[in-house]
Amino acid sequence: MPSDAGEALTLALADACHEPIAATQPYGEDDGVMRMIVTDHAFAVLLVGEAFKTITVLQVTYLP
């Protein structure tokens, strides 16, 4: 992944660490658990764990 695309994804993931629901979009049904981040050149699927305050990155796709 080019550095500019990686940097945008990194910043979006950092925002998601602080405010997971506000900084992401629902992935499928809005259950507050499966979320996604979409930037100009990347897409990431996240699993948000409210109980332990965790975010697990399940998939990252580079969009050229």
PDB file of N, CA and C in Angstrom:
ATOM      1  N   MET A   1       0.850  -1.162   0.000  1.00  0.00           N
ATOM      2  CA  MET A   1       0.000   0.000   0.000  1.00  0.00           C
ATOM      3  C   MET A   1       0.903   1.235   0.000  1.00  0.00           C
ATOM      4  N   PRO A   2       0.633   2.182  -0.874  1.00  0.00           N
ATOM      5  CA  PRO A   2       1.430   3.410  -0.882  1.00  0.00           C
ATOM      6  C   PRO A   2       1.325   4.157   0.456  1.00  0.00           C
ATOM      7  N   SER A   3       2.349   4.930   0.748  1.00  0.00           N
ATOM      8  CA  SER A   3       2.417   5.592   2.053  1.00  0.00           C
ATOM      9  C   SER A   3       1.264   6.549   2.311  1.00  0.00           C
ATOM     10  N   ASP A   4       0.785   7.273   1.293  1.00  0.00           N
ATOM     11  CA  ASP A   4      -0.325   8.209   1.531  1.00  0.00           C
ATOM     12  C   ASP A   4      -1.612   7.464   1.874  1.00  0.00           C
ATOM     13  N   ALA A   5      -1.859   6.342   1.226  1.00  0.00           N
ATOM     14  CA  ALA A   5      -3.038   5.529   1.534  1.00  0.00           C
ATOM     15  C   ALA A   5      -2.913   4.908   2.923  1.00  0.00           C
ATOM     16  N   GLY A   6      -1.713   4.441   3.253  1.00  0.00           N
ATOM     17  CA  GLY A   6      -1.475   3.868   4.574  1.00  0.00           C
ATOM     18  C   GLY A   6      -1.619   4.888   5.685  1.00  0.00           C
ATOM     19  N   GLU A   7      -1.158   6.096   5.433  1.00  0.00           N
ATOM     20  CA  GLU A   7      -1.274   7.154   6.443  1.00  0.00           C
ATOM     21  C   GLU A   7      -2.734   7.523   6.697  1.00  0.00           C
ATOM     22  N   ALA A   8      -3.525   7.636   5.632  1.00  0.00           N
ATOM     23  CA  ALA A   8      -4.953   7.964   5.796  1.00  0.00           C
ATOM     24  C   ALA A   8      -5.668   6.866   6.574  1.00  0.00           C
ATOM     25  N   LEU A   9      -5.349   5.606   6.280  1.00  0.00           N
ATOM     26  CA  LEU A   9      -5.964   4.496   7.009  1.00  0.00           C
ATOM     27  C   LEU A   9      -5.522   4.487   8.467  1.00  0.00           C
ATOM     28  N   THR A  10      -4.246   4.756   8.710  1.00  0.00           N
ATOM     29  CA  THR A  10      -3.733   4.813  10.081  1.00  0.00           C
ATOM     30  C   THR A  10      -4.429   5.891  10.896  1.00  0.00           C
ATOM     31  N   LEU A  11      -4.609   7.056  10.314  1.00  0.00           N
ATOM     32  CA  LEU A  11      -5.298   8.146  11.023  1.00  0.00           C
ATOM     33  C   LEU A  11      -6.762   7.791  11.290  1.00  0.00           C
ATOM     34  N   ALA A  12      -7.412   7.150  10.330  1.00  0.00           N
ATOM     35  CA  ALA A  12      -8.808   6.744  10.522  1.00  0.00           C
ATOM     36  C   ALA A  12      -8.910   5.679  11.618  1.00  0.00           C
ATOM     37  N   LEU A  13      -7.963   4.754  11.663  1.00  0.00           N
ATOM     38  CA  LEU A  13      -7.955   3.741  12.720  1.00  0.00           C
ATOM     39  C   LEU A  13      -7.693   4.368  14.084  1.00  0.00           C
ATOM     40  N   ALA A  14      -6.831   5.372  14.143  1.00  0.00           N
ATOM     41  CA  ALA A  14      -6.579   6.070  15.409  1.00  0.00           C
ATOM     42  C   ALA A  14      -7.851   6.756  15.900  1.00  0.00           C
ATOM     43  N   ASP A  15      -8.598   7.375  14.981  1.00  0.00           N
ATOM     44  CA  ASP A  15      -9.879   7.988  15.350  1.00  0.00           C
ATOM     45  C   ASP A  15     -10.843   6.931  15.873  1.00  0.00           C
ATOM     46  N   ALA A  16     -10.856   5.773  15.234  1.00  0.00           N
ATOM     47  CA  ALA A  16     -11.748   4.690  15.658  1.00  0.00           C
ATOM     48  C   ALA A  16     -11.393   4.176  17.049  1.00  0.00           C
ATOM     49  N   CYS A  17     -10.134   4.237  17.414  1.00  0.00           N
ATOM     50  CA  CYS A  17      -9.730   3.804  18.760  1.00  0.00           C
ATOM     51  C   CYS A  17     -10.325   4.707  19.834  1.00  0.00           C
ATOM     52  N   HIS A  18     -10.500   5.986  19.518  1.00  0.00           N
ATOM     53  CA  HIS A  18     -11.047   6.933  20.486  1.00  0.00           C
ATOM     54  C   HIS A  18     -12.567   6.964  20.474  1.00  0.00           C
ATOM     55  N   GLU A  19     -13.173   6.907  19.311  1.00  0.00           N
ATOM     56  CA  GLU A  19     -14.633   6.960  19.159  1.00  0.00           C
ATOM     57  C   GLU A  19     -15.051   5.936  18.105  1.00  0.00           C
ATOM     58  N   PRO A  20     -15.120   4.647  18.472  1.00  0.00           N
ATOM     59  CA  PRO A  20     -15.340   3.609  17.456  1.00  0.00           C
ATOM     60  C   PRO A  20     -16.632   3.750  16.659  1.00  0.00           C
ATOM     61  N   ILE A  21     -17.702   4.154  17.270  1.00  0.00           N
ATOM     62  CA  ILE A  21     -18.979   4.252  16.549  1.00  0.00           C
ATOM     63  C   ILE A  21     -19.022   5.524  15.703  1.00  0.00           C
ATOM     64  N   ALA A  22     -18.556   6.628  16.240  1.00  0.00           N
ATOM     65  CA  ALA A  22     -18.594   7.895  15.510  1.00  0.00           C
ATOM     66  C   ALA A  22     -17.625   7.918  14.329  1.00  0.00           C
ATOM     67  N   ALA A  23     -16.498   7.222  14.441  1.00  0.00           N
ATOM     68  CA  ALA A  23     -15.456   7.285  13.412  1.00  0.00           C
ATOM     69  C   ALA A  23     -15.586   6.202  12.342  1.00  0.00           C
ATOM     70  N   THR A  24     -16.598   5.340  12.469  1.00  0.00           N
ATOM     71  CA  THR A  24     -16.768   4.246  11.519  1.00  0.00           C
ATOM     72  C   THR A  24     -18.193   4.226  10.985  1.00  0.00           C
ATOM     73  N   GLN A  25     -18.408   3.333  10.024  1.00  0.00           N
ATOM     74  CA  GLN A  25     -19.737   3.145   9.444  1.00  0.00           C
ATOM     75  C   GLN A  25     -20.183   1.711   9.704  1.00  0.00           C
ATOM     76  N   PRO A  26     -21.486   1.475   9.762  1.00  0.00           N
ATOM     77  CA  PRO A  26     -21.956   0.102   9.952  1.00  0.00           C
ATOM     78  C   PRO A  26     -21.516  -0.793   8.794  1.00  0.00           C
ATOM     79  N   TYR A  27     -21.244  -2.033   9.103  1.00  0.00           N
ATOM     80  CA  TYR A  27     -20.929  -3.040   8.091  1.00  0.00           C
ATOM     81  C   TYR A  27     -22.084  -4.028   8.109  1.00  0.00           C
ATOM     82  N   GLY A  28     -22.946  -3.923   7.112  1.00  0.00           N
ATOM     83  CA  GLY A  28     -24.167  -4.739   7.131  1.00  0.00           C
ATOM     84  C   GLY A  28     -25.171  -4.120   8.081  1.00  0.00           C
ATOM     85  N   GLU A  29     -25.779  -4.945   8.904  1.00  0.00           N
ATOM     86  CA  GLU A  29     -26.750  -4.475   9.901  1.00  0.00           C
ATOM     87  C   GLU A  29     -26.027  -3.667  10.974  1.00  0.00           C
ATOM     88  N   ASP A  30     -26.605  -2.551  11.376  1.00  0.00           N
ATOM     89  CA  ASP A  30     -25.956  -1.686  12.370  1.00  0.00           C
ATOM     90  C   ASP A  30     -26.138  -2.270  13.771  1.00  0.00           C
ATOM     91  N   ASP A  31     -25.227  -3.172  14.132  1.00  0.00           N
ATOM     92  CA  ASP A  31     -25.285  -3.807  15.443  1.00  0.00           C
ATOM     93  C   ASP A  31     -24.264  -3.225  16.416  1.00  0.00           C
ATOM     94  N   GLY A  32     -23.460  -2.253  15.945  1.00  0.00           N
ATOM     95  CA  GLY A  32     -22.459  -1.631  16.794  1.00  0.00           C
ATOM     96  C   GLY A  32     -21.227  -2.488  17.005  1.00  0.00           C
ATOM     97  N   VAL A  33     -21.173  -3.653  16.374  1.00  0.00           N
ATOM     98  CA  VAL A  33     -20.043  -4.565  16.549  1.00  0.00           C
ATOM     99  C   VAL A  33     -19.212  -4.656  15.273  1.00  0.00           C
ATOM    100  N   MET A  34     -19.854  -4.949  14.167  1.00  0.00           N
ATOM    101  CA  MET A  34     -19.163  -5.011  12.878  1.00  0.00           C
ATOM    102  C   MET A  34     -19.210  -3.623  12.259  1.00  0.00           C
ATOM    103  N   ARG A  35     -18.039  -3.028  12.065  1.00  0.00           N
ATOM    104  CA  ARG A  35     -17.955  -1.662  11.552  1.00  0.00           C
ATOM    105  C   ARG A  35     -16.955  -1.621  10.401  1.00  0.00           C
ATOM    106  N   MET A  36     -16.946  -0.527   9.665  1.00  0.00           N
ATOM    107  CA  MET A  36     -15.977  -0.378   8.582  1.00  0.00           C
ATOM    108  C   MET A  36     -15.460   1.045   8.522  1.00  0.00           C
ATOM    109  N   ILE A  37     -14.252   1.140   7.997  1.00  0.00           N
ATOM    110  CA  ILE A  37     -13.620   2.425   7.711  1.00  0.00           C
ATOM    111  C   ILE A  37     -13.390   2.460   6.212  1.00  0.00           C
ATOM    112  N   VAL A  38     -13.796   3.548   5.590  1.00  0.00           N
ATOM    113  CA  VAL A  38     -13.581   3.713   4.156  1.00  0.00           C
ATOM    114  C   VAL A  38     -12.839   5.031   3.941  1.00  0.00           C
ATOM    115  N   THR A  39     -11.671   4.941   3.329  1.00  0.00           N
ATOM    116  CA  THR A  39     -10.915   6.135   2.948  1.00  0.00           C
ATOM    117  C   THR A  39     -10.879   6.179   1.420  1.00  0.00           C
ATOM    118  N   ASP A  40     -10.202   7.150   0.875  1.00  0.00           N
ATOM    119  CA  ASP A  40     -10.116   7.266  -0.584  1.00  0.00           C
ATOM    120  C   ASP A  40      -9.463   6.046  -1.235  1.00  0.00           C
ATOM    121  N   HIS A  41      -8.527   5.411  -0.538  1.00  0.00           N
ATOM    122  CA  HIS A  41      -7.777   4.312  -1.138  1.00  0.00           C
ATOM    123  C   HIS A  41      -7.726   3.043  -0.300  1.00  0.00           C
ATOM    124  N   ALA A  42      -8.541   2.949   0.739  1.00  0.00           N
ATOM    125  CA  ALA A  42      -8.515   1.745   1.572  1.00  0.00           C
ATOM    126  C   ALA A  42      -9.876   1.511   2.214  1.00  0.00           C
ATOM    127  N   PHE A  43     -10.097   0.257   2.550  1.00  0.00           N
ATOM    128  CA  PHE A  43     -11.332  -0.182   3.181  1.00  0.00           C
ATOM    129  C   PHE A  43     -10.927  -1.167   4.274  1.00  0.00           C
ATOM    130  N   ALA A  44     -11.443  -0.998   5.475  1.00  0.00           N
ATOM    131  CA  ALA A  44     -11.115  -1.904   6.568  1.00  0.00           C
ATOM    132  C   ALA A  44     -12.391  -2.333   7.279  1.00  0.00           C
ATOM    133  N   VAL A  45     -12.467  -3.617   7.606  1.00  0.00           N
ATOM    134  CA  VAL A  45     -13.583  -4.159   8.375  1.00  0.00           C
ATOM    135  C   VAL A  45     -13.080  -4.384   9.798  1.00  0.00           C
ATOM    136  N   LEU A  46     -13.847  -3.889  10.762  1.00  0.00           N
ATOM    137  CA  LEU A  46     -13.441  -3.939  12.165  1.00  0.00           C
ATOM    138  C   LEU A  46     -14.473  -4.671  13.011  1.00  0.00           C
ATOM    139  N   LEU A  47     -13.998  -5.295  14.059  1.00  0.00           N
ATOM    140  CA  LEU A  47     -14.841  -5.885  15.085  1.00  0.00           C
ATOM    141  C   LEU A  47     -14.623  -5.056  16.342  1.00  0.00           C
ATOM    142  N   VAL A  48     -15.667  -4.386  16.809  1.00  0.00           N
ATOM    143  CA  VAL A  48     -15.566  -3.500  17.966  1.00  0.00           C
ATOM    144  C   VAL A  48     -16.072  -4.233  19.200  1.00  0.00           C
ATOM    145  N   GLY A  49     -15.209  -4.354  20.194  1.00  0.00           N
ATOM    146  CA  GLY A  49     -15.570  -5.010  21.449  1.00  0.00           C
ATOM    147  C   GLY A  49     -15.776  -3.975  22.539  1.00  0.00           C
ATOM    148  N   GLU A  50     -17.008  -3.707  22.849  1.00  0.00           N
ATOM    149  CA  GLU A  50     -17.320  -2.692  23.860  1.00  0.00           C
ATOM    150  C   GLU A  50     -16.908  -3.120  25.272  1.00  0.00           C
ATOM    151  N   ALA A  51     -17.084  -4.380  25.620  1.00  0.00           N
ATOM    152  CA  ALA A  51     -16.816  -4.840  26.986  1.00  0.00           C
ATOM    153  C   ALA A  51     -15.353  -4.620  27.384  1.00  0.00           C
ATOM    154  N   PHE A  52     -14.436  -4.954  26.476  1.00  0.00           N
ATOM    155  CA  PHE A  52     -13.016  -4.825  26.793  1.00  0.00           C
ATOM    156  C   PHE A  52     -12.357  -3.648  26.076  1.00  0.00           C
ATOM    157  N   LYS A  53     -13.176  -2.827  25.401  1.00  0.00           N
ATOM    158  CA  LYS A  53     -12.675  -1.648  24.688  1.00  0.00           C
ATOM    159  C   LYS A  53     -11.579  -2.043  23.685  1.00  0.00           C
ATOM    160  N   THR A  54     -11.922  -2.984  22.807  1.00  0.00           N
ATOM    161  CA  THR A  54     -10.962  -3.455  21.807  1.00  0.00           C
ATOM    162  C   THR A  54     -11.500  -3.230  20.400  1.00  0.00           C
ATOM    163  N   ILE A  55     -10.572  -3.122  19.459  1.00  0.00           N
ATOM    164  CA  ILE A  55     -10.904  -3.089  18.041  1.00  0.00           C
ATOM    165  C   ILE A  55     -10.000  -4.111  17.363  1.00  0.00           C
ATOM    166  N   THR A  56     -10.622  -5.030  16.641  1.00  0.00           N
ATOM    167  CA  THR A  56      -9.877  -6.037  15.893  1.00  0.00           C
ATOM    168  C   THR A  56     -10.065  -5.766  14.412  1.00  0.00           C
ATOM    169  N   VAL A  57      -8.969  -5.621  13.691  1.00  0.00           N
ATOM    170  CA  VAL A  57      -9.037  -5.407  12.250  1.00  0.00           C
ATOM    171  C   VAL A  57      -9.165  -6.780  11.596  1.00  0.00           C
ATOM    172  N   LEU A  58     -10.281  -6.998  10.907  1.00  0.00           N
ATOM    173  CA  LEU A  58     -10.536  -8.277  10.278  1.00  0.00           C
ATOM    174  C   LEU A  58     -10.062  -8.318   8.829  1.00  0.00           C
ATOM    175  N   GLN A  59     -10.114  -7.189   8.161  1.00  0.00           N
ATOM    176  CA  GLN A  59      -9.736  -7.151   6.745  1.00  0.00           C
ATOM    177  C   GLN A  59      -9.298  -5.746   6.377  1.00  0.00           C
ATOM    178  N   VAL A  60      -8.280  -5.650   5.545  1.00  0.00           N
ATOM    179  CA  VAL A  60      -7.855  -4.390   4.958  1.00  0.00           C
ATOM    180  C   VAL A  60      -7.731  -4.614   3.457  1.00  0.00           C
ATOM    181  N   THR A  61      -8.353  -3.747   2.692  1.00  0.00           N
ATOM    182  CA  THR A  61      -8.299  -3.839   1.237  1.00  0.00           C
ATOM    183  C   THR A  61      -7.805  -2.510   0.686  1.00  0.00           C
ATOM    184  N   TYR A  62      -6.802  -2.589  -0.161  1.00  0.00           N
ATOM    185  CA  TYR A  62      -6.297  -1.400  -0.841  1.00  0.00           C
ATOM    186  C   TYR A  62      -7.112  -1.179  -2.101  1.00  0.00           C
ATOM    187  N   LEU A  63      -7.590   0.047  -2.297  1.00  0.00           N
ATOM    188  CA  LEU A  63      -8.391   0.421  -3.458  1.00  0.00           C
ATOM    189  C   LEU A  63      -7.557   1.360  -4.331  1.00  0.00           C
ATOM    190  N   PRO A  64      -6.905   0.835  -5.376  1.00  0.00           N
ATOM    191  CA  PRO A  64      -6.022   1.681  -6.191  1.00  0.00           C
ATOM    192  C   PRO A  64      -6.767   2.778  -6.924  1.00  0.00           C
TER     193      PRO A  64
END
